C-alpha cells in the first residue's frame, strides 16, 4: 500500500486520523518497544486486540498508518478527522 503525497506528511496525516478515531471510540494504541525501535503496534478495545502490525525482522517497524486507518474504516470506526 502506497502513501499518498509526500511520505512524511502523509504518514503524519494518517497518524492523526487514527489517533483521533481511537480517542473518539475509546481504542487504546499500544506500542511494543521503545520509541524509534518499535517492534509492533496494537489497537485494543477492553483488552481485546482488534488490529496489530508487527516487524518481521530485527529492524524497527515502519508503521503504516494509512493501512490502520483503512482497517478502522472497514470495522466501522469512523470520525476523528478534524
PDB file of N, CA and C in Angstrom:
ATOM      1  N   UNK A   1       0.836  -1.167   0.000  1.00  0.00           N
ATOM      2  CA  UNK A   1       0.000   0.000   0.000  1.00  0.00           C
ATOM      3  C   UNK A   1       0.890   1.242   0.000  1.00  0.00           C
ATOM      4  N   UNK A   2       0.653   2.155  -0.905  1.00  0.00           N
ATOM      5  CA  UNK A   2       1.485   3.333  -1.063  1.00  0.00           C
ATOM      6  C   UNK A   2       0.835   4.532  -0.379  1.00  0.00           C
ATOM      7  N   UNK A   3       1.666   5.314   0.329  1.00  0.00           N
ATOM      8  CA  UNK A   3       1.170   6.533   0.948  1.00  0.00           C
ATOM      9  C   UNK A   3       0.956   7.599  -0.116  1.00  0.00           C
ATOM     10  N   UNK A   4      -0.082   8.414   0.076  1.00  0.00           N
ATOM     11  CA  UNK A   4      -0.387   9.476  -0.869  1.00  0.00           C
ATOM     12  C   UNK A   4       0.474  10.703  -0.573  1.00  0.00           C
ATOM     13  N   UNK A   5       0.917  11.398  -1.625  1.00  0.00           N
ATOM     14  CA  UNK A   5       1.653  12.643  -1.456  1.00  0.00           C
ATOM     15  C   UNK A   5       3.017  12.434  -0.835  1.00  0.00           C
ATOM     16  N   UNK A   6       3.521  13.484  -0.198  1.00  0.00           N
ATOM     17  CA  UNK A   6       4.805  13.419   0.493  1.00  0.00           C
ATOM     18  C   UNK A   6       4.716  12.386   1.608  1.00  0.00           C
ATOM     19  N   UNK A   7       5.663  11.477   1.659  1.00  0.00           N
ATOM     20  CA  UNK A   7       5.594  10.345   2.594  1.00  0.00           C
ATOM     21  C   UNK A   7       5.503  10.799   4.047  1.00  0.00           C
ATOM     22  N   UNK A   8       6.308  11.769   4.452  1.00  0.00           N
ATOM     23  CA  UNK A   8       6.309  12.208   5.854  1.00  0.00           C
ATOM     24  C   UNK A   8       5.000  12.903   6.216  1.00  0.00           C
ATOM     25  N   UNK A   9       4.524  13.782   5.345  1.00  0.00           N
ATOM     26  CA  UNK A   9       3.282  14.493   5.665  1.00  0.00           C
ATOM     27  C   UNK A   9       2.082  13.550   5.612  1.00  0.00           C
ATOM     28  N   UNK A  10       2.106  12.579   4.696  1.00  0.00           N
ATOM     29  CA  UNK A  10       1.010  11.613   4.612  1.00  0.00           C
ATOM     30  C   UNK A  10       0.996  10.726   5.847  1.00  0.00           C
ATOM     31  N   UNK A  11       2.173  10.317   6.297  1.00  0.00           N
ATOM     32  CA  UNK A  11       2.263   9.480   7.496  1.00  0.00           C
ATOM     33  C   UNK A  11       1.711  10.219   8.710  1.00  0.00           C
ATOM     34  N   UNK A  12       2.059  11.492   8.836  1.00  0.00           N
ATOM     35  CA  UNK A  12       1.570  12.311   9.950  1.00  0.00           C
ATOM     36  C   UNK A  12       0.061  12.507   9.856  1.00  0.00           C
ATOM     37  N   UNK A  13      -0.431  12.745   8.637  1.00  0.00           N
ATOM     38  CA  UNK A  13      -1.866  12.959   8.441  1.00  0.00           C
ATOM     39  C   UNK A  13      -2.663  11.720   8.867  1.00  0.00           C
ATOM     40  N   UNK A  14      -2.220  10.529   8.438  1.00  0.00           N
ATOM     41  CA  UNK A  14      -2.951   9.315   8.792  1.00  0.00           C
ATOM     42  C   UNK A  14      -2.754   8.934  10.254  1.00  0.00           C
ATOM     43  N   UNK A  15      -1.582   9.245  10.837  1.00  0.00           N
ATOM     44  CA  UNK A  15      -1.389   9.015  12.272  1.00  0.00           C
ATOM     45  C   UNK A  15      -2.402   9.836  13.057  1.00  0.00           C
ATOM     46  N   UNK A  16      -2.561  11.102  12.698  1.00  0.00           N
ATOM     47  CA  UNK A  16      -3.508  11.964  13.403  1.00  0.00           C
ATOM     48  C   UNK A  16      -4.942  11.472  13.240  1.00  0.00           C
ATOM     49  N   UNK A  17      -5.290  10.982  12.059  1.00  0.00           N
ATOM     50  CA  UNK A  17      -6.640  10.451  11.852  1.00  0.00           C
ATOM     51  C   UNK A  17      -6.879   9.215  12.718  1.00  0.00           C
ATOM     52  N   UNK A  18      -5.886   8.322  12.776  1.00  0.00           N
ATOM     53  CA  UNK A  18      -6.013   7.119  13.605  1.00  0.00           C
ATOM     54  C   UNK A  18      -6.109   7.512  15.073  1.00  0.00           C
ATOM     55  N   UNK A  19      -5.261   8.433  15.513  1.00  0.00           N
ATOM     56  CA  UNK A  19      -5.262   8.855  16.922  1.00  0.00           C
ATOM     57  C   UNK A  19      -6.603   9.458  17.307  1.00  0.00           C
ATOM     58  N   UNK A  20      -7.146  10.333  16.453  1.00  0.00           N
ATOM     59  CA  UNK A  20      -8.439  10.965  16.758  1.00  0.00           C
ATOM     60  C   UNK A  20      -9.577   9.948  16.753  1.00  0.00           C
ATOM     61  N   UNK A  21      -9.563   9.014  15.820  1.00  0.00           N
ATOM     62  CA  UNK A  21     -10.593   7.974  15.768  1.00  0.00           C
ATOM     63  C   UNK A  21     -10.518   7.108  17.021  1.00  0.00           C
ATOM     64  N   UNK A  22      -9.298   6.770  17.441  1.00  0.00           N
ATOM     65  CA  UNK A  22      -9.122   5.952  18.646  1.00  0.00           C
ATOM     66  C   UNK A  22      -9.605   6.686  19.884  1.00  0.00           C
ATOM     67  N   UNK A  23      -9.344   7.983  19.976  1.00  0.00           N
ATOM     68  CA  UNK A  23      -9.832   8.766  21.113  1.00  0.00           C
ATOM     69  C   UNK A  23     -11.356   8.809  21.130  1.00  0.00           C
ATOM     70  N   UNK A  24     -11.961   8.956  19.960  1.00  0.00           N
ATOM     71  CA  UNK A  24     -13.416   9.049  19.851  1.00  0.00           C
ATOM     72  C   UNK A  24     -14.104   7.751  20.265  1.00  0.00           C
ATOM     73  N   UNK A  25     -13.497   6.597  19.946  1.00  0.00           N
ATOM     74  CA  UNK A  25     -14.125   5.297  20.194  1.00  0.00           C
ATOM     75  C   UNK A  25     -13.487   4.533  21.358  1.00  0.00           C
ATOM     76  N   UNK A  26     -12.668   5.191  22.172  1.00  0.00           N
ATOM     77  CA  UNK A  26     -12.006   4.576  23.332  1.00  0.00           C
ATOM     78  C   UNK A  26     -11.188   3.347  22.959  1.00  0.00           C
ATOM     79  N   UNK A  27     -10.408   3.473  21.898  1.00  0.00           N
ATOM     80  CA  UNK A  27      -9.499   2.409  21.458  1.00  0.00           C
ATOM     81  C   UNK A  27      -8.106   2.781  21.946  1.00  0.00           C
ATOM     82  N   UNK A  28      -7.419   1.822  22.561  1.00  0.00           N
ATOM     83  CA  UNK A  28      -6.064   2.058  23.058  1.00  0.00           C
ATOM     84  C   UNK A  28      -5.047   1.700  21.983  1.00  0.00           C
ATOM     85  N   UNK A  29      -4.037   2.569  21.806  1.00  0.00           N
ATOM     86  CA  UNK A  29      -2.917   2.284  20.918  1.00  0.00           C
ATOM     87  C   UNK A  29      -1.752   1.879  21.805  1.00  0.00           C
ATOM     88  N   UNK A  30      -1.275   0.648  21.652  1.00  0.00           N
ATOM     89  CA  UNK A  30      -0.169   0.155  22.473  1.00  0.00           C
ATOM     90  C   UNK A  30       1.005  -0.218  21.580  1.00  0.00           C
ATOM     91  N   UNK A  31       2.175   0.294  21.956  1.00  0.00           N
ATOM     92  CA  UNK A  31       3.399   0.041  21.203  1.00  0.00           C
ATOM     93  C   UNK A  31       4.230  -1.009  21.924  1.00  0.00           C
ATOM     94  N   UNK A  32       4.915  -1.855  21.152  1.00  0.00           N
ATOM     95  CA  UNK A  32       5.837  -2.840  21.702  1.00  0.00           C
ATOM     96  C   UNK A  32       7.251  -2.366  21.379  1.00  0.00           C
ATOM     97  N   UNK A  33       7.994  -1.995  22.395  1.00  0.00           N
ATOM     98  CA  UNK A  33       9.350  -1.498  22.198  1.00  0.00           C
ATOM     99  C   UNK A  33       9.481  -0.064  22.677  1.00  0.00           C
ATOM    100  N   UNK A  34      10.617   0.509  22.353  1.00  0.00           N
ATOM    101  CA  UNK A  34      10.912   1.885  22.761  1.00  0.00           C
ATOM    102  C   UNK A  34      10.782   2.785  21.533  1.00  0.00           C
ATOM    103  N   UNK A  35      10.580   4.100  21.740  1.00  0.00           N
ATOM    104  CA  UNK A  35      10.464   4.999  20.586  1.00  0.00           C
ATOM    105  C   UNK A  35      11.651   4.856  19.633  1.00  0.00           C
ATOM    106  N   UNK A  36      11.372   4.943  18.356  1.00  0.00           N
ATOM    107  CA  UNK A  36      12.319   4.781  17.251  1.00  0.00           C
ATOM    108  C   UNK A  36      12.739   3.326  17.029  1.00  0.00           C
ATOM    109  N   UNK A  37      12.311   2.405  17.895  1.00  0.00           N
ATOM    110  CA  UNK A  37      12.643   0.981  17.750  1.00  0.00           C
ATOM    111  C   UNK A  37      11.423   0.111  18.042  1.00  0.00           C
ATOM    112  N   UNK A  38      10.254   0.517  17.567  1.00  0.00           N
ATOM    113  CA  UNK A  38       9.047  -0.259  17.826  1.00  0.00           C
ATOM    114  C   UNK A  38       9.092  -1.582  17.071  1.00  0.00           C
ATOM    115  N   UNK A  39       8.720  -2.654  17.768  1.00  0.00           N
ATOM    116  CA  UNK A  39       8.631  -3.973  17.150  1.00  0.00           C
ATOM    117  C   UNK A  39       7.192  -4.271  16.739  1.00  0.00           C
ATOM    118  N   UNK A  40       6.238  -3.516  17.283  1.00  0.00           N
ATOM    119  CA  UNK A  40       4.844  -3.746  16.944  1.00  0.00           C
ATOM    120  C   UNK A  40       3.939  -2.662  17.481  1.00  0.00           C
ATOM    121  N   UNK A  41       2.757  -2.596  16.928  1.00  0.00           N
ATOM    122  CA  UNK A  41       1.725  -1.681  17.405  1.00  0.00           C
ATOM    123  C   UNK A  41       0.405  -2.440  17.376  1.00  0.00           C
ATOM    124  N   UNK A  42      -0.400  -2.256  18.427  1.00  0.00           N
ATOM    125  CA  UNK A  42      -1.693  -2.933  18.528  1.00  0.00           C
ATOM    126  C   UNK A  42      -2.770  -1.928  18.895  1.00  0.00           C
ATOM    127  N   UNK A  43      -3.951  -2.130  18.356  1.00  0.00           N
ATOM    128  CA  UNK A  43      -5.125  -1.355  18.739  1.00  0.00           C
ATOM    129  C   UNK A  43      -6.013  -2.272  19.554  1.00  0.00           C
ATOM    130  N   UNK A  44      -6.395  -1.815  20.754  1.00  0.00           N
ATOM    131  CA  UNK A  44      -7.165  -2.662  21.662  1.00  0.00           C
ATOM    132  C   UNK A  44      -8.416  -1.948  22.155  1.00  0.00           C
ATOM    133  N   UNK A  45      -9.484  -2.738  22.287  1.00  0.00           N
ATOM    134  CA  UNK A  45     -10.717  -2.279  22.935  1.00  0.00           C
ATOM    135  C   UNK A  45     -10.975  -3.226  24.092  1.00  0.00           C
ATOM    136  N   UNK A  46     -11.010  -2.712  25.291  1.00  0.00           N
ATOM    137  CA  UNK A  46     -11.251  -3.503  26.503  1.00  0.00           C
ATOM    138  C   UNK A  46     -10.315  -4.711  26.595  1.00  0.00           C
ATOM    139  N   UNK A  47      -9.060  -4.543  26.178  1.00  0.00           N
ATOM    140  CA  UNK A  47      -8.078  -5.615  26.267  1.00  0.00           C
ATOM    141  C   UNK A  47      -8.058  -6.570  25.100  1.00  0.00           C
ATOM    142  N   UNK A  48      -9.038  -6.475  24.191  1.00  0.00           N
ATOM    143  CA  UNK A  48      -9.086  -7.336  23.006  1.00  0.00           C
ATOM    144  C   UNK A  48      -8.399  -6.644  21.835  1.00  0.00           C
ATOM    145  N   UNK A  49      -7.490  -7.339  21.190  1.00  0.00           N
ATOM    146  CA  UNK A  49      -6.768  -6.776  20.058  1.00  0.00           C
ATOM    147  C   UNK A  49      -7.671  -6.779  18.829  1.00  0.00           C
ATOM    148  N   UNK A  50      -7.875  -5.589  18.232  1.00  0.00           N
ATOM    149  CA  UNK A  50      -8.680  -5.512  17.015  1.00  0.00           C
ATOM    150  C   UNK A  50      -7.790  -5.369  15.787  1.00  0.00           C
ATOM    151  N   UNK A  51      -6.556  -4.920  15.971  1.00  0.00           N
ATOM    152  CA  UNK A  51      -5.627  -4.785  14.852  1.00  0.00           C
ATOM    153  C   UNK A  51      -4.204  -4.788  15.395  1.00  0.00           C
ATOM    154  N   UNK A  52      -3.299  -5.406  14.670  1.00  0.00           N
ATOM    155  CA  UNK A  52      -1.896  -5.415  15.071  1.00  0.00           C
ATOM    156  C   UNK A  52      -0.988  -5.378  13.860  1.00  0.00           C
ATOM    157  N   UNK A  53       0.127  -4.686  14.017  1.00  0.00           N
ATOM    158  CA  UNK A  53       1.160  -4.628  12.989  1.00  0.00           C
ATOM    159  C   UNK A  53       2.476  -4.931  13.672  1.00  0.00           C
ATOM    160  N   UNK A  54       3.255  -5.860  13.134  1.00  0.00           N
ATOM    161  CA  UNK A  54       4.475  -6.311  13.804  1.00  0.00           C
ATOM    162  C   UNK A  54       5.630  -6.355  12.813  1.00  0.00           C
ATOM    163  N   UNK A  55       6.852  -6.133  13.311  1.00  0.00           N
ATOM    164  CA  UNK A  55       8.049  -6.217  12.481  1.00  0.00           C
ATOM    165  C   UNK A  55       8.365  -7.680  12.193  1.00  0.00           C
ATOM    166  N   UNK A  56       8.838  -7.938  10.978  1.00  0.00           N
ATOM    167  CA  UNK A  56       9.169  -9.305  10.579  1.00  0.00           C
ATOM    168  C   UNK A  56      10.598  -9.696  10.932  1.00  0.00           C
ATOM    169  N   UNK A  57      11.439  -8.717  11.162  1.00  0.00           N
ATOM    170  CA  UNK A  57      12.844  -8.991  11.454  1.00  0.00           C
ATOM    171  C   UNK A  57      13.305  -8.098  12.606  1.00  0.00           C
ATOM    172  N   UNK A  58      14.601  -7.964  12.770  1.00  0.00           N
ATOM    173  CA  UNK A  58      15.123  -7.194  13.901  1.00  0.00           C
ATOM    174  C   UNK A  58      15.134  -5.691  13.642  1.00  0.00           C
ATOM    175  N   UNK A  59      14.721  -5.271  12.455  1.00  0.00           N
ATOM    176  CA  UNK A  59      14.674  -3.844  12.134  1.00  0.00           C
ATOM    177  C   UNK A  59      13.431  -3.222  12.765  1.00  0.00           C
ATOM    178  N   UNK A  60      13.481  -1.912  13.046  1.00  0.00           N
ATOM    179  CA  UNK A  60      12.291  -1.252  13.610  1.00  0.00           C
ATOM    180  C   UNK A  60      11.116  -1.283  12.632  1.00  0.00           C
ATOM    181  N   UNK A  61       9.938  -1.326  13.183  1.00  0.00           N
ATOM    182  CA  UNK A  61       8.716  -1.350  12.385  1.00  0.00           C
ATOM    183  C   UNK A  61       8.466   0.025  11.784  1.00  0.00           C
ATOM    184  N   UNK A  62       8.210   0.069  10.487  1.00  0.00           N
ATOM    185  CA  UNK A  62       7.773   1.293   9.822  1.00  0.00           C
ATOM    186  C   UNK A  62       6.245   1.221   9.797  1.00  0.00           C
ATOM    187  N   UNK A  63       5.606   1.872  10.741  1.00  0.00           N
ATOM    188  CA  UNK A  63       4.158   1.748  10.922  1.00  0.00           C
ATOM    189  C   UNK A  63       3.434   2.380   9.737  1.00  0.00           C
ATOM    190  N   UNK A  64       2.539   1.629   9.128  1.00  0.00           N
ATOM    191  CA  UNK A  64       1.748   2.104   8.004  1.00  0.00           C
ATOM    192  C   UNK A  64       0.408   2.603   8.553  1.00  0.00           C
ATOM    193  N   UNK A  65       0.355   3.892   8.867  1.00  0.00           N
ATOM    194  CA  UNK A  65      -0.835   4.468   9.483  1.00  0.00           C
ATOM    195  C   UNK A  65      -2.007   4.515   8.512  1.00  0.00           C
ATOM    196  N   UNK A  66      -1.734   4.610   7.212  1.00  0.00           N
ATOM    197  CA  UNK A  66      -2.821   4.607   6.230  1.00  0.00           C
ATOM    198  C   UNK A  66      -3.538   3.259   6.246  1.00  0.00           C
ATOM    199  N   UNK A  67      -2.792   2.179   6.356  1.00  0.00           N
ATOM    200  CA  UNK A  67      -3.379   0.847   6.419  1.00  0.00           C
ATOM    201  C   UNK A  67      -4.235   0.690   7.674  1.00  0.00           C
ATOM    202  N   UNK A  68      -3.746   1.198   8.791  1.00  0.00           N
ATOM    203  CA  UNK A  68      -4.501   1.122  10.046  1.00  0.00           C
ATOM    204  C   UNK A  68      -5.782   1.937   9.929  1.00  0.00           C
ATOM    205  N   UNK A  69      -5.688   3.123   9.333  1.00  0.00           N
ATOM    206  CA  UNK A  69      -6.864   3.983   9.152  1.00  0.00           C
ATOM    207  C   UNK A  69      -7.918   3.281   8.298  1.00  0.00           C
ATOM    208  N   UNK A  70      -7.490   2.660   7.198  1.00  0.00           N
ATOM    209  CA  UNK A  70      -8.426   1.956   6.320  1.00  0.00           C
ATOM    210  C   UNK A  70      -9.045   0.750   7.020  1.00  0.00           C
ATOM    211  N   UNK A  71      -8.275   0.072   7.860  1.00  0.00           N
ATOM    212  CA  UNK A  71      -8.801  -1.068   8.612  1.00  0.00           C
ATOM    213  C   UNK A  71      -9.871  -0.603   9.605  1.00  0.00           C
ATOM    214  N   UNK A  72      -9.624   0.525  10.270  1.00  0.00           N
ATOM    215  CA  UNK A  72     -10.617   1.062  11.205  1.00  0.00           C
ATOM    216  C   UNK A  72     -11.909   1.415  10.472  1.00  0.00           C
ATOM    217  N   UNK A  73     -11.784   1.961   9.266  1.00  0.00           N
ATOM    218  CA  UNK A  73     -12.976   2.282   8.477  1.00  0.00           C
ATOM    219  C   UNK A  73     -13.750   1.020   8.115  1.00  0.00           C
ATOM    220  N   UNK A  74     -13.038  -0.054   7.770  1.00  0.00           N
ATOM    221  CA  UNK A  74     -13.701  -1.322   7.445  1.00  0.00           C
ATOM    222  C   UNK A  74     -14.450  -1.890   8.640  1.00  0.00           C
ATOM    223  N   UNK A  75     -13.901  -1.682   9.849  1.00  0.00           N
ATOM    224  CA  UNK A  75     -14.557  -2.158  11.066  1.00  0.00           C
ATOM    225  C   UNK A  75     -15.716  -1.263  11.482  1.00  0.00           C
ATOM    226  N   UNK A  76     -15.881  -0.116  10.818  1.00  0.00           N
ATOM    227  CA  UNK A  76     -16.988   0.771  11.124  1.00  0.00           C
ATOM    228  C   UNK A  76     -16.655   1.879  12.097  1.00  0.00           C
ATOM    229  N   UNK A  77     -15.387   2.045  12.421  1.00  0.00           N
ATOM    230  CA  UNK A  77     -14.964   3.127  13.316  1.00  0.00           C
ATOM    231  C   UNK A  77     -14.677   4.358  12.463  1.00  0.00           C
ATOM    232  N   UNK A  78     -15.631   5.274  12.418  1.00  0.00           N
ATOM    233  CA  UNK A  78     -15.466   6.470  11.607  1.00  0.00           C
ATOM    234  C   UNK A  78     -15.325   7.674  12.514  1.00  0.00           C
ATOM    235  N   UNK A  79     -14.998   8.778  11.909  1.00  0.00           N
ATOM    236  CA  UNK A  79     -14.815  10.007  12.669  1.00  0.00           C
ATOM    237  C   UNK A  79     -13.364  10.223  12.991  1.00  0.00           C
ATOM    238  N   UNK A  80     -13.131  11.267  13.727  1.00  0.00           N
ATOM    239  CA  UNK A  80     -11.766  11.561  14.120  1.00  0.00           C
ATOM    240  C   UNK A  80     -11.032  12.440  13.130  1.00  0.00           C
ATOM    241  N   UNK A  81     -11.635  12.745  11.982  1.00  0.00           N
ATOM    242  CA  UNK A  81     -10.998  13.625  11.012  1.00  0.00           C
ATOM    243  C   UNK A  81     -11.359  15.048  11.385  1.00  0.00           C
ATOM    244  N   UNK A  82     -10.349  15.876  11.562  1.00  0.00           N
ATOM    245  CA  UNK A  82     -10.576  17.254  12.012  1.00  0.00           C
ATOM    246  C   UNK A  82     -11.044  18.103  10.876  1.00  0.00           C
TER     247      UNK A  82
END
